[in-house]
Amino acid sequence: MQSVDNFLLALGLNVDSAVLGMSLALVAKQADKRFAFKWSLYFGGFQGLMFFLGYFGFSLLSFLHPYSHFMAGSVFLVLGLKLLVPAYYGKEESVSVPGSFLSSVFFSASISVDAFFSSVAGLKHDLISVLSLAWLIALVGFVLTFISIHFAGRIKPGERRASMVLGGFLLIFLGVKSFL
């Protein structure tokens, strides 16, 4: 039963990675397998890394906690608006996806703060079990994000507008929820 709980935790922590990956694929000029691999590696890797760092992060909790909602909420709101504005104005052209290393790290770390705090707040495991759970979280994050980017990249241009509106509202909802 513990393995089912661990898998559900990994799945729950990575839903935002999948949504953000799907949104990036919708606004990307080309969401090919290389694009999917890159963002899946970032998002899944950071989810696992932040969960693992949370094991040691009791002293960082007081420093990061006031900013965690702002970081995640800002990323979701900006990307949600980035999806809605072109969809509303009817522009079918793609917008650029931030591709620099620093922006990739910022996005990945911002959506992984929940993994950090879930490790700090709720787990009283030994180092080996935390490490294995971090690997599971990273693997689930990679697979879930890769699948969501792959399917979002296959959406036909005629269907893209509805997907962008839906994705934009979903990201804005997650952003507002992060601020509350």
N, C-alpha and C. Protein backbone atom coordinates (compact mmCIF):
# COMPACT_ATOMS: atom_id res chain seq x y z
N MET A 1 0.81 -1.20 0.00
CA MET A 1 0.00 0.00 0.00
C MET A 1 0.86 1.26 0.00
N GLN A 2 2.03 1.18 0.62
CA GLN A 2 2.93 2.33 0.65
C GLN A 2 3.38 2.72 -0.75
N SER A 3 3.60 1.73 -1.62
CA SER A 3 4.03 2.05 -2.99
C SER A 3 2.93 2.77 -3.76
N VAL A 4 1.67 2.43 -3.52
CA VAL A 4 0.56 3.13 -4.16
C VAL A 4 0.51 4.57 -3.67
N ASP A 5 0.69 4.77 -2.36
CA ASP A 5 0.71 6.12 -1.81
C ASP A 5 1.86 6.94 -2.39
N ASN A 6 3.02 6.32 -2.52
CA ASN A 6 4.17 7.02 -3.09
C ASN A 6 3.92 7.41 -4.54
N PHE A 7 3.32 6.50 -5.31
CA PHE A 7 3.02 6.81 -6.70
C PHE A 7 1.99 7.94 -6.80
N LEU A 8 0.98 7.92 -5.96
CA LEU A 8 -0.03 8.99 -5.97
C LEU A 8 0.58 10.32 -5.57
N LEU A 9 1.51 10.30 -4.62
CA LEU A 9 2.22 11.53 -4.24
C LEU A 9 3.01 12.05 -5.44
N ALA A 10 3.73 11.16 -6.11
CA ALA A 10 4.52 11.56 -7.28
C ALA A 10 3.62 12.11 -8.38
N LEU A 11 2.50 11.48 -8.60
CA LEU A 11 1.55 11.94 -9.61
C LEU A 11 0.99 13.31 -9.24
N GLY A 12 0.59 13.47 -7.99
CA GLY A 12 0.03 14.75 -7.54
C GLY A 12 1.02 15.90 -7.61
N LEU A 13 2.27 15.62 -7.28
CA LEU A 13 3.28 16.68 -7.33
C LEU A 13 3.62 17.08 -8.76
N ASN A 14 3.37 16.22 -9.71
CA ASN A 14 3.78 16.48 -11.08
C ASN A 14 2.66 16.94 -12.00
N VAL A 15 1.46 17.11 -11.50
CA VAL A 15 0.37 17.59 -12.34
C VAL A 15 0.69 18.99 -12.87
N ASP A 16 1.24 19.84 -12.03
CA ASP A 16 1.57 21.18 -12.50
C ASP A 16 2.68 21.15 -13.55
N SER A 17 3.60 20.20 -13.45
CA SER A 17 4.64 20.05 -14.48
C SER A 17 4.02 19.68 -15.82
N ALA A 18 3.06 18.78 -15.78
CA ALA A 18 2.40 18.36 -17.02
C ALA A 18 1.61 19.50 -17.64
N VAL A 19 0.91 20.26 -16.82
CA VAL A 19 0.11 21.39 -17.33
C VAL A 19 1.03 22.46 -17.92
N LEU A 20 2.11 22.77 -17.22
CA LEU A 20 3.02 23.78 -17.72
C LEU A 20 3.73 23.29 -18.99
N GLY A 21 4.10 22.02 -19.03
CA GLY A 21 4.70 21.47 -20.23
C GLY A 21 3.76 21.52 -21.42
N MET A 22 2.51 21.19 -21.18
CA MET A 22 1.51 21.24 -22.24
C MET A 22 1.34 22.68 -22.74
N SER A 23 1.33 23.61 -21.83
CA SER A 23 1.18 25.01 -22.21
C SER A 23 2.38 25.50 -23.00
N LEU A 24 3.56 25.10 -22.60
CA LEU A 24 4.75 25.47 -23.36
C LEU A 24 4.71 24.89 -24.77
N ALA A 25 4.22 23.67 -24.89
CA ALA A 25 4.12 23.04 -26.21
C ALA A 25 3.10 23.76 -27.09
N LEU A 26 2.04 24.28 -26.49
CA LEU A 26 1.03 24.98 -27.28
C LEU A 26 1.54 26.30 -27.83
N VAL A 27 2.44 26.96 -27.11
CA VAL A 27 2.94 28.25 -27.58
C VAL A 27 4.27 28.14 -28.32
N ALA A 28 4.85 26.96 -28.34
CA ALA A 28 6.15 26.78 -28.98
C ALA A 28 6.02 26.78 -30.50
N LYS A 29 7.07 27.21 -31.16
CA LYS A 29 7.09 27.16 -32.61
C LYS A 29 7.15 25.72 -33.10
N GLN A 30 7.89 24.91 -32.38
CA GLN A 30 7.99 23.50 -32.75
C GLN A 30 8.18 22.69 -31.47
N ALA A 31 7.21 21.85 -31.15
CA ALA A 31 7.27 21.02 -29.95
C ALA A 31 7.61 19.59 -30.38
N ASP A 32 8.87 19.38 -30.75
CA ASP A 32 9.29 18.06 -31.17
C ASP A 32 9.79 17.24 -29.98
N LYS A 33 10.36 16.07 -30.26
CA LYS A 33 10.82 15.19 -29.18
C LYS A 33 11.98 15.80 -28.40
N ARG A 34 12.81 16.56 -29.07
CA ARG A 34 13.93 17.22 -28.37
C ARG A 34 13.39 18.24 -27.36
N PHE A 35 12.42 19.02 -27.79
CA PHE A 35 11.76 19.99 -26.93
C PHE A 35 11.12 19.29 -25.73
N ALA A 36 10.40 18.21 -26.00
CA ALA A 36 9.74 17.45 -24.94
C ALA A 36 10.76 16.85 -23.97
N PHE A 37 11.84 16.32 -24.50
CA PHE A 37 12.87 15.73 -23.64
C PHE A 37 13.50 16.78 -22.74
N LYS A 38 13.81 17.94 -23.32
CA LYS A 38 14.45 19.01 -22.54
C LYS A 38 13.58 19.45 -21.36
N TRP A 39 12.34 19.80 -21.66
CA TRP A 39 11.47 20.31 -20.59
C TRP A 39 11.07 19.20 -19.62
N SER A 40 10.91 17.98 -20.09
CA SER A 40 10.60 16.87 -19.19
C SER A 40 11.75 16.60 -18.24
N LEU A 41 12.96 16.71 -18.76
CA LEU A 41 14.14 16.52 -17.93
C LEU A 41 14.24 17.62 -16.86
N TYR A 42 14.00 18.85 -17.27
CA TYR A 42 14.03 19.95 -16.31
C TYR A 42 12.94 19.77 -15.24
N PHE A 43 11.69 19.61 -15.69
CA PHE A 43 10.59 19.56 -14.74
C PHE A 43 10.65 18.34 -13.84
N GLY A 44 10.84 17.17 -14.42
CA GLY A 44 10.93 15.96 -13.62
C GLY A 44 12.15 15.97 -12.71
N GLY A 45 13.28 16.41 -13.25
CA GLY A 45 14.50 16.47 -12.44
C GLY A 45 14.38 17.42 -11.27
N PHE A 46 13.80 18.58 -11.51
CA PHE A 46 13.66 19.54 -10.41
C PHE A 46 12.64 19.08 -9.38
N GLN A 47 11.58 18.40 -9.81
CA GLN A 47 10.61 17.87 -8.83
C GLN A 47 11.31 16.90 -7.88
N GLY A 48 12.09 15.98 -8.44
CA GLY A 48 12.81 15.02 -7.61
C GLY A 48 13.88 15.68 -6.76
N LEU A 49 14.63 16.60 -7.37
CA LEU A 49 15.69 17.29 -6.63
C LEU A 49 15.14 18.12 -5.48
N MET A 50 14.08 18.85 -5.74
CA MET A 50 13.50 19.69 -4.68
C MET A 50 12.91 18.82 -3.57
N PHE A 51 12.33 17.69 -3.92
CA PHE A 51 11.83 16.79 -2.89
C PHE A 51 12.98 16.29 -2.02
N PHE A 52 14.08 15.92 -2.67
CA PHE A 52 15.25 15.44 -1.94
C PHE A 52 15.84 16.55 -1.07
N LEU A 53 15.95 17.75 -1.60
CA LEU A 53 16.49 18.87 -0.82
C LEU A 53 15.58 19.22 0.36
N GLY A 54 14.30 18.97 0.20
CA GLY A 54 13.37 19.22 1.30
C GLY A 54 13.67 18.38 2.53
N TYR A 55 14.27 17.23 2.32
CA TYR A 55 14.68 16.36 3.43
C TYR A 55 15.68 17.08 4.33
N PHE A 56 16.52 17.89 3.72
CA PHE A 56 17.51 18.65 4.47
C PHE A 56 17.10 20.09 4.72
N GLY A 57 15.93 20.47 4.26
CA GLY A 57 15.57 21.87 4.17
C GLY A 57 14.83 22.50 5.32
N PHE A 58 14.90 21.97 6.50
CA PHE A 58 14.17 22.59 7.60
C PHE A 58 14.61 24.03 7.83
N SER A 59 15.89 24.32 7.68
CA SER A 59 16.37 25.68 7.90
C SER A 59 15.97 26.61 6.75
N LEU A 60 15.79 26.06 5.55
CA LEU A 60 15.38 26.88 4.42
C LEU A 60 13.88 27.18 4.41
N LEU A 61 13.13 26.43 5.19
CA LEU A 61 11.68 26.57 5.20
C LEU A 61 11.26 28.00 5.53
N SER A 62 11.86 28.58 6.55
CA SER A 62 11.46 29.92 6.95
C SER A 62 11.86 30.96 5.90
N PHE A 63 12.93 30.69 5.14
CA PHE A 63 13.37 31.64 4.14
C PHE A 63 12.52 31.58 2.86
N LEU A 64 12.23 30.39 2.37
CA LEU A 64 11.54 30.23 1.09
C LEU A 64 10.02 30.30 1.17
N HIS A 65 9.47 29.95 2.29
CA HIS A 65 8.02 29.86 2.38
C HIS A 65 7.28 31.14 1.99
N PRO A 66 7.71 32.32 2.44
CA PRO A 66 6.96 33.52 2.04
C PRO A 66 6.96 33.77 0.54
N TYR A 67 7.93 33.25 -0.19
CA TYR A 67 8.05 33.52 -1.62
C TYR A 67 7.51 32.40 -2.49
N SER A 68 7.23 31.25 -1.94
CA SER A 68 6.87 30.09 -2.75
C SER A 68 5.58 30.31 -3.53
N HIS A 69 4.58 30.88 -2.90
CA HIS A 69 3.30 31.10 -3.58
C HIS A 69 3.46 32.15 -4.68
N PHE A 70 4.27 33.15 -4.43
CA PHE A 70 4.49 34.19 -5.41
C PHE A 70 5.23 33.65 -6.64
N MET A 71 6.24 32.83 -6.41
CA MET A 71 7.01 32.27 -7.52
C MET A 71 6.13 31.41 -8.42
N ALA A 72 5.45 30.45 -7.84
CA ALA A 72 4.62 29.54 -8.63
C ALA A 72 3.45 30.28 -9.27
N GLY A 73 2.79 31.12 -8.50
CA GLY A 73 1.65 31.87 -9.02
C GLY A 73 2.02 32.78 -10.18
N SER A 74 3.17 33.42 -10.08
CA SER A 74 3.63 34.31 -11.15
C SER A 74 3.89 33.55 -12.44
N VAL A 75 4.54 32.42 -12.33
CA VAL A 75 4.81 31.61 -13.52
C VAL A 75 3.51 31.19 -14.17
N PHE A 76 2.56 30.70 -13.39
CA PHE A 76 1.29 30.25 -13.95
C PHE A 76 0.50 31.41 -14.58
N LEU A 77 0.47 32.55 -13.91
CA LEU A 77 -0.28 33.69 -14.45
C LEU A 77 0.33 34.21 -15.74
N VAL A 78 1.64 34.35 -15.78
CA VAL A 78 2.30 34.86 -16.99
C VAL A 78 2.08 33.92 -18.16
N LEU A 79 2.27 32.63 -17.94
CA LEU A 79 2.07 31.69 -19.04
C LEU A 79 0.60 31.55 -19.43
N GLY A 80 -0.29 31.67 -18.46
CA GLY A 80 -1.71 31.64 -18.79
C GLY A 80 -2.11 32.81 -19.67
N LEU A 81 -1.61 33.99 -19.33
CA LEU A 81 -1.88 35.15 -20.16
C LEU A 81 -1.20 35.04 -21.52
N LYS A 82 -0.03 34.41 -21.52
CA LYS A 82 0.69 34.22 -22.78
C LYS A 82 -0.07 33.28 -23.71
N LEU A 83 -0.88 32.42 -23.16
CA LEU A 83 -1.74 31.56 -23.98
C LEU A 83 -3.02 32.27 -24.40
N LEU A 84 -3.62 33.02 -23.48
CA LEU A 84 -4.92 33.64 -23.76
C LEU A 84 -4.85 34.80 -24.74
N VAL A 85 -3.84 35.63 -24.65
CA VAL A 85 -3.78 36.82 -25.49
C VAL A 85 -3.72 36.46 -26.97
N PRO A 86 -2.80 35.58 -27.41
CA PRO A 86 -2.83 35.23 -28.85
C PRO A 86 -4.11 34.51 -29.26
N ALA A 87 -4.68 33.72 -28.36
CA ALA A 87 -5.93 33.01 -28.70
C ALA A 87 -7.08 34.00 -28.84
N TYR A 88 -7.11 35.01 -27.99
CA TYR A 88 -8.19 36.00 -28.02
C TYR A 88 -8.11 36.88 -29.26
N TYR A 89 -6.91 37.29 -29.61
CA TYR A 89 -6.75 38.17 -30.76
C TYR A 89 -6.68 37.42 -32.09
N GLY A 90 -6.80 36.11 -32.04
CA GLY A 90 -6.89 35.33 -33.25
C GLY A 90 -5.59 35.11 -33.98
N LYS A 91 -4.50 35.37 -33.34
CA LYS A 91 -3.21 35.16 -33.99
C LYS A 91 -2.85 33.69 -33.89
N GLU A 92 -2.63 33.07 -35.01
CA GLU A 92 -2.26 31.67 -35.04
C GLU A 92 -0.75 31.47 -34.93
N GLU A 93 -0.01 32.58 -35.00
CA GLU A 93 1.44 32.44 -34.93
C GLU A 93 1.87 32.05 -33.53
N SER A 94 2.97 31.38 -33.47
CA SER A 94 3.49 30.92 -32.20
C SER A 94 4.30 32.02 -31.54
N VAL A 95 4.35 32.00 -30.24
CA VAL A 95 5.19 32.93 -29.50
C VAL A 95 6.40 32.17 -29.00
N SER A 96 7.41 32.91 -28.63
CA SER A 96 8.64 32.24 -28.24
C SER A 96 8.54 31.68 -26.82
N VAL A 97 9.14 30.54 -26.64
CA VAL A 97 9.22 29.90 -25.34
C VAL A 97 10.58 30.24 -24.77
N PRO A 98 10.63 30.69 -23.52
CA PRO A 98 11.94 30.99 -22.94
C PRO A 98 12.85 29.77 -23.02
N GLY A 99 14.01 29.95 -23.59
CA GLY A 99 14.88 28.81 -23.81
C GLY A 99 16.23 28.89 -23.12
N SER A 100 16.49 29.99 -22.44
CA SER A 100 17.79 30.11 -21.78
C SER A 100 17.85 29.17 -20.57
N PHE A 101 19.04 28.84 -20.20
CA PHE A 101 19.24 27.95 -19.06
C PHE A 101 18.64 28.56 -17.80
N LEU A 102 18.85 29.85 -17.58
CA LEU A 102 18.35 30.51 -16.37
C LEU A 102 16.83 30.51 -16.32
N SER A 103 16.17 30.79 -17.44
CA SER A 103 14.71 30.79 -17.43
C SER A 103 14.17 29.37 -17.25
N SER A 104 14.85 28.39 -17.83
CA SER A 104 14.43 27.00 -17.65
C SER A 104 14.54 26.57 -16.20
N VAL A 105 15.62 26.97 -15.55
CA VAL A 105 15.81 26.66 -14.13
C VAL A 105 14.77 27.38 -13.29
N PHE A 106 14.47 28.63 -13.62
CA PHE A 106 13.48 29.40 -12.87
C PHE A 106 12.10 28.74 -12.95
N PHE A 107 11.66 28.39 -14.16
CA PHE A 107 10.37 27.73 -14.33
C PHE A 107 10.33 26.41 -13.57
N SER A 108 11.38 25.64 -13.72
CA SER A 108 11.43 24.32 -13.08
C SER A 108 11.43 24.42 -11.56
N ALA A 109 12.22 25.34 -11.04
CA ALA A 109 12.28 25.50 -9.58
C ALA A 109 10.96 26.07 -9.04
N SER A 110 10.35 26.96 -9.79
CA SER A 110 9.10 27.58 -9.32
C SER A 110 7.98 26.57 -9.17
N ILE A 111 7.87 25.66 -10.11
CA ILE A 111 6.79 24.69 -10.00
C ILE A 111 7.15 23.51 -9.11
N SER A 112 8.40 23.46 -8.64
CA SER A 112 8.84 22.36 -7.79
C SER A 112 8.87 22.71 -6.32
N VAL A 113 8.47 23.91 -5.99
CA VAL A 113 8.48 24.33 -4.59
C VAL A 113 7.54 23.47 -3.76
N ASP A 114 6.43 23.03 -4.36
CA ASP A 114 5.50 22.18 -3.62
C ASP A 114 6.14 20.84 -3.25
N ALA A 115 7.01 20.32 -4.09
CA ALA A 115 7.72 19.08 -3.77
C ALA A 115 8.67 19.29 -2.59
N PHE A 116 9.32 20.43 -2.57
CA PHE A 116 10.21 20.77 -1.47
C PHE A 116 9.44 20.81 -0.14
N PHE A 117 8.33 21.54 -0.14
CA PHE A 117 7.58 21.69 1.10
C PHE A 117 6.85 20.42 1.51
N SER A 118 6.47 19.59 0.56
CA SER A 118 5.84 18.34 0.95
C SER A 118 6.85 17.43 1.63
N SER A 119 8.09 17.49 1.23
CA SER A 119 9.13 16.70 1.87
C SER A 119 9.45 17.25 3.26
N VAL A 120 9.53 18.57 3.36
CA VAL A 120 9.84 19.19 4.65
C VAL A 120 8.71 18.96 5.64
N ALA A 121 7.49 19.16 5.20
CA ALA A 121 6.36 19.16 6.11
C ALA A 121 5.87 17.80 6.54
N GLY A 122 5.90 16.83 5.62
CA GLY A 122 5.17 15.62 5.95
C GLY A 122 5.95 14.34 6.10
N LEU A 123 7.21 14.33 5.77
CA LEU A 123 7.90 13.06 5.73
C LEU A 123 8.93 12.94 6.84
N LYS A 124 8.87 11.84 7.52
CA LYS A 124 9.84 11.53 8.57
C LYS A 124 10.48 10.19 8.23
N HIS A 125 11.09 10.11 7.05
CA HIS A 125 11.71 8.88 6.57
C HIS A 125 13.21 8.94 6.71
N ASP A 126 13.84 7.81 6.49
CA ASP A 126 15.29 7.81 6.45
C ASP A 126 15.77 8.28 5.09
N LEU A 127 17.05 8.51 4.97
CA LEU A 127 17.63 9.08 3.76
C LEU A 127 17.41 8.19 2.54
N ILE A 128 17.52 6.88 2.70
CA ILE A 128 17.37 5.97 1.56
C ILE A 128 15.94 6.01 1.01
N SER A 129 14.94 5.99 1.88
CA SER A 129 13.57 6.02 1.38
C SER A 129 13.24 7.37 0.74
N VAL A 130 13.79 8.47 1.26
CA VAL A 130 13.57 9.78 0.65
C VAL A 130 14.24 9.83 -0.72
N LEU A 131 15.44 9.26 -0.82
CA LEU A 131 16.14 9.24 -2.10
C LEU A 131 15.38 8.41 -3.13
N SER A 132 14.86 7.26 -2.75
CA SER A 132 14.12 6.44 -3.70
C SER A 132 12.80 7.11 -4.08
N LEU A 133 12.16 7.78 -3.14
CA LEU A 133 10.93 8.50 -3.47
C LEU A 133 11.22 9.69 -4.38
N ALA A 134 12.35 10.35 -4.17
CA ALA A 134 12.74 11.47 -5.05
C ALA A 134 12.96 10.98 -6.48
N TRP A 135 13.58 9.79 -6.63
CA TRP A 135 13.76 9.21 -7.95
C TRP A 135 12.42 8.88 -8.59
N LEU A 136 11.50 8.35 -7.82
CA LEU A 136 10.17 8.04 -8.34
C LEU A 136 9.47 9.31 -8.79
N ILE A 137 9.55 10.36 -7.99
CA ILE A 137 8.92 11.64 -8.33
C ILE A 137 9.53 12.20 -9.61
N ALA A 138 10.85 12.12 -9.73
CA ALA A 138 11.52 12.62 -10.94
C ALA A 138 11.11 11.81 -12.16
N LEU A 139 11.03 10.50 -12.02
CA LEU A 139 10.67 9.64 -13.15
C LEU A 139 9.22 9.89 -13.58
N VAL A 140 8.32 9.95 -12.63
CA VAL A 140 6.91 10.21 -12.95
C VAL A 140 6.78 11.59 -13.58
N GLY A 141 7.51 12.57 -13.06
CA GLY A 141 7.48 13.92 -13.63
C GLY A 141 7.97 13.94 -15.06
N PHE A 142 9.06 13.23 -15.31
CA PHE A 142 9.59 13.17 -16.67
C PHE A 142 8.58 12.54 -17.62
N VAL A 143 8.05 11.40 -17.26
CA VAL A 143 7.12 10.68 -18.14
C VAL A 143 5.83 11.48 -18.36
N LEU A 144 5.27 12.01 -17.28
CA LEU A 144 4.02 12.75 -17.39
C LEU A 144 4.19 14.02 -18.23
N THR A 145 5.29 14.73 -18.02
CA THR A 145 5.54 15.94 -18.78
C THR A 145 5.81 15.62 -20.25
N PHE A 146 6.58 14.58 -20.50
CA PHE A 146 6.88 14.18 -21.88
C PHE A 146 5.60 13.83 -22.63
N ILE A 147 4.75 13.07 -22.00
CA ILE A 147 3.48 12.68 -22.64
C ILE A 147 2.61 13.90 -22.91
N SER A 148 2.51 14.81 -21.94
CA SER A 148 1.65 15.98 -22.14
C SER A 148 2.21 16.90 -23.22
N ILE A 149 3.53 17.06 -23.28
CA ILE A 149 4.12 17.88 -24.35
C ILE A 149 3.92 17.21 -25.70
N HIS A 150 4.11 15.92 -25.73
CA HIS A 150 3.96 15.19 -26.99
C HIS A 150 2.54 15.34 -27.55
N PHE A 151 1.54 15.18 -26.71
CA PHE A 151 0.17 15.29 -27.20
C PHE A 151 -0.22 16.74 -27.50
N ALA A 152 0.27 17.68 -26.72
CA ALA A 152 -0.04 19.08 -27.01
C ALA A 152 0.62 19.53 -28.31
N GLY A 153 1.80 18.99 -28.60
CA GLY A 153 2.48 19.33 -29.84
C GLY A 153 1.80 18.77 -31.08
N ARG A 154 0.95 17.78 -30.89
CA ARG A 154 0.26 17.15 -32.02
C ARG A 154 -1.11 17.78 -32.30
N ILE A 155 -1.48 18.77 -31.52
CA ILE A 155 -2.77 19.42 -31.73
C ILE A 155 -2.71 20.21 -33.03
N LYS A 156 -3.69 20.03 -33.86
CA LYS A 156 -3.74 20.69 -35.16
C LYS A 156 -3.96 22.19 -34.98
N PRO A 157 -3.45 22.97 -35.92
CA PRO A 157 -3.59 24.43 -35.80
C PRO A 157 -5.02 24.90 -35.62
N GLY A 158 -5.99 24.26 -36.26
CA GLY A 158 -7.38 24.66 -36.11
C GLY A 158 -7.94 24.42 -34.71
N GLU A 159 -7.41 23.42 -34.03
CA GLU A 159 -7.85 23.10 -32.68
C GLU A 159 -7.01 23.80 -31.62
N ARG A 160 -5.95 24.44 -32.04
CA ARG A 160 -5.01 25.03 -31.09
C ARG A 160 -5.62 26.18 -30.30
N ARG A 161 -6.47 26.96 -30.94
CA ARG A 161 -7.05 28.12 -30.25
C ARG A 161 -7.86 27.69 -29.03
N ALA A 162 -8.72 26.70 -29.21
CA ALA A 162 -9.52 26.22 -28.07
C ALA A 162 -8.62 25.64 -26.98
N SER A 163 -7.58 24.94 -27.39
CA SER A 163 -6.64 24.38 -26.42
C SER A 163 -5.89 25.47 -25.67
N MET A 164 -5.53 26.54 -26.40
CA MET A 164 -4.82 27.64 -25.76
C MET A 164 -5.72 28.35 -24.75
N VAL A 165 -6.98 28.52 -25.10
CA VAL A 165 -7.92 29.17 -24.17
C VAL A 165 -8.10 28.30 -22.93
N LEU A 166 -8.33 27.02 -23.14
CA LEU A 166 -8.50 26.11 -22.02
C LEU A 166 -7.24 26.06 -21.16
N GLY A 167 -6.09 25.91 -21.80
CA GLY A 167 -4.82 25.88 -21.06
C GLY A 167 -4.55 27.19 -20.35
N GLY A 168 -4.86 28.31 -20.99
CA GLY A 168 -4.66 29.62 -20.38
C GLY A 168 -5.50 29.80 -19.12
N PHE A 169 -6.77 29.44 -19.21
CA PHE A 169 -7.63 29.55 -18.04
C PHE A 169 -7.20 28.60 -16.92
N LEU A 170 -6.75 27.41 -17.30
CA LEU A 170 -6.27 26.46 -16.30
C LEU A 170 -5.02 26.99 -15.59
N LEU A 171 -4.10 27.56 -16.35
CA LEU A 171 -2.90 28.13 -15.73
C LEU A 171 -3.24 29.34 -14.86
N ILE A 172 -4.13 30.18 -15.32
CA ILE A 172 -4.53 31.34 -14.50
C ILE A 172 -5.21 30.85 -13.22
N PHE A 173 -6.06 29.83 -13.33
CA PHE A 173 -6.68 29.26 -12.13
C PHE A 173 -5.62 28.76 -11.16
N LEU A 174 -4.63 28.02 -11.67
CA LEU A 174 -3.54 27.53 -10.79
C LEU A 174 -2.75 28.68 -10.19
N GLY A 175 -2.54 29.75 -10.98
CA GLY A 175 -1.83 30.91 -10.47
C GLY A 175 -2.57 31.62 -9.36
N VAL A 176 -3.86 31.85 -9.57
CA VAL A 176 -4.68 32.49 -8.53
C VAL A 176 -4.73 31.60 -7.30
N LYS A 177 -4.88 30.30 -7.51
CA LYS A 177 -4.91 29.35 -6.38
C LYS A 177 -3.59 29.39 -5.60
N SER A 178 -2.47 29.58 -6.30
CA SER A 178 -1.18 29.66 -5.63
C SER A 178 -1.08 30.89 -4.74
N PHE A 179 -1.70 32.00 -5.18
CA PHE A 179 -1.65 33.22 -4.39
C PHE A 179 -2.53 33.17 -3.15
N LEU A 180 -3.55 32.32 -3.17
CA LEU A 180 -4.48 32.27 -2.04
C LEU A 180 -3.99 31.43 -0.91
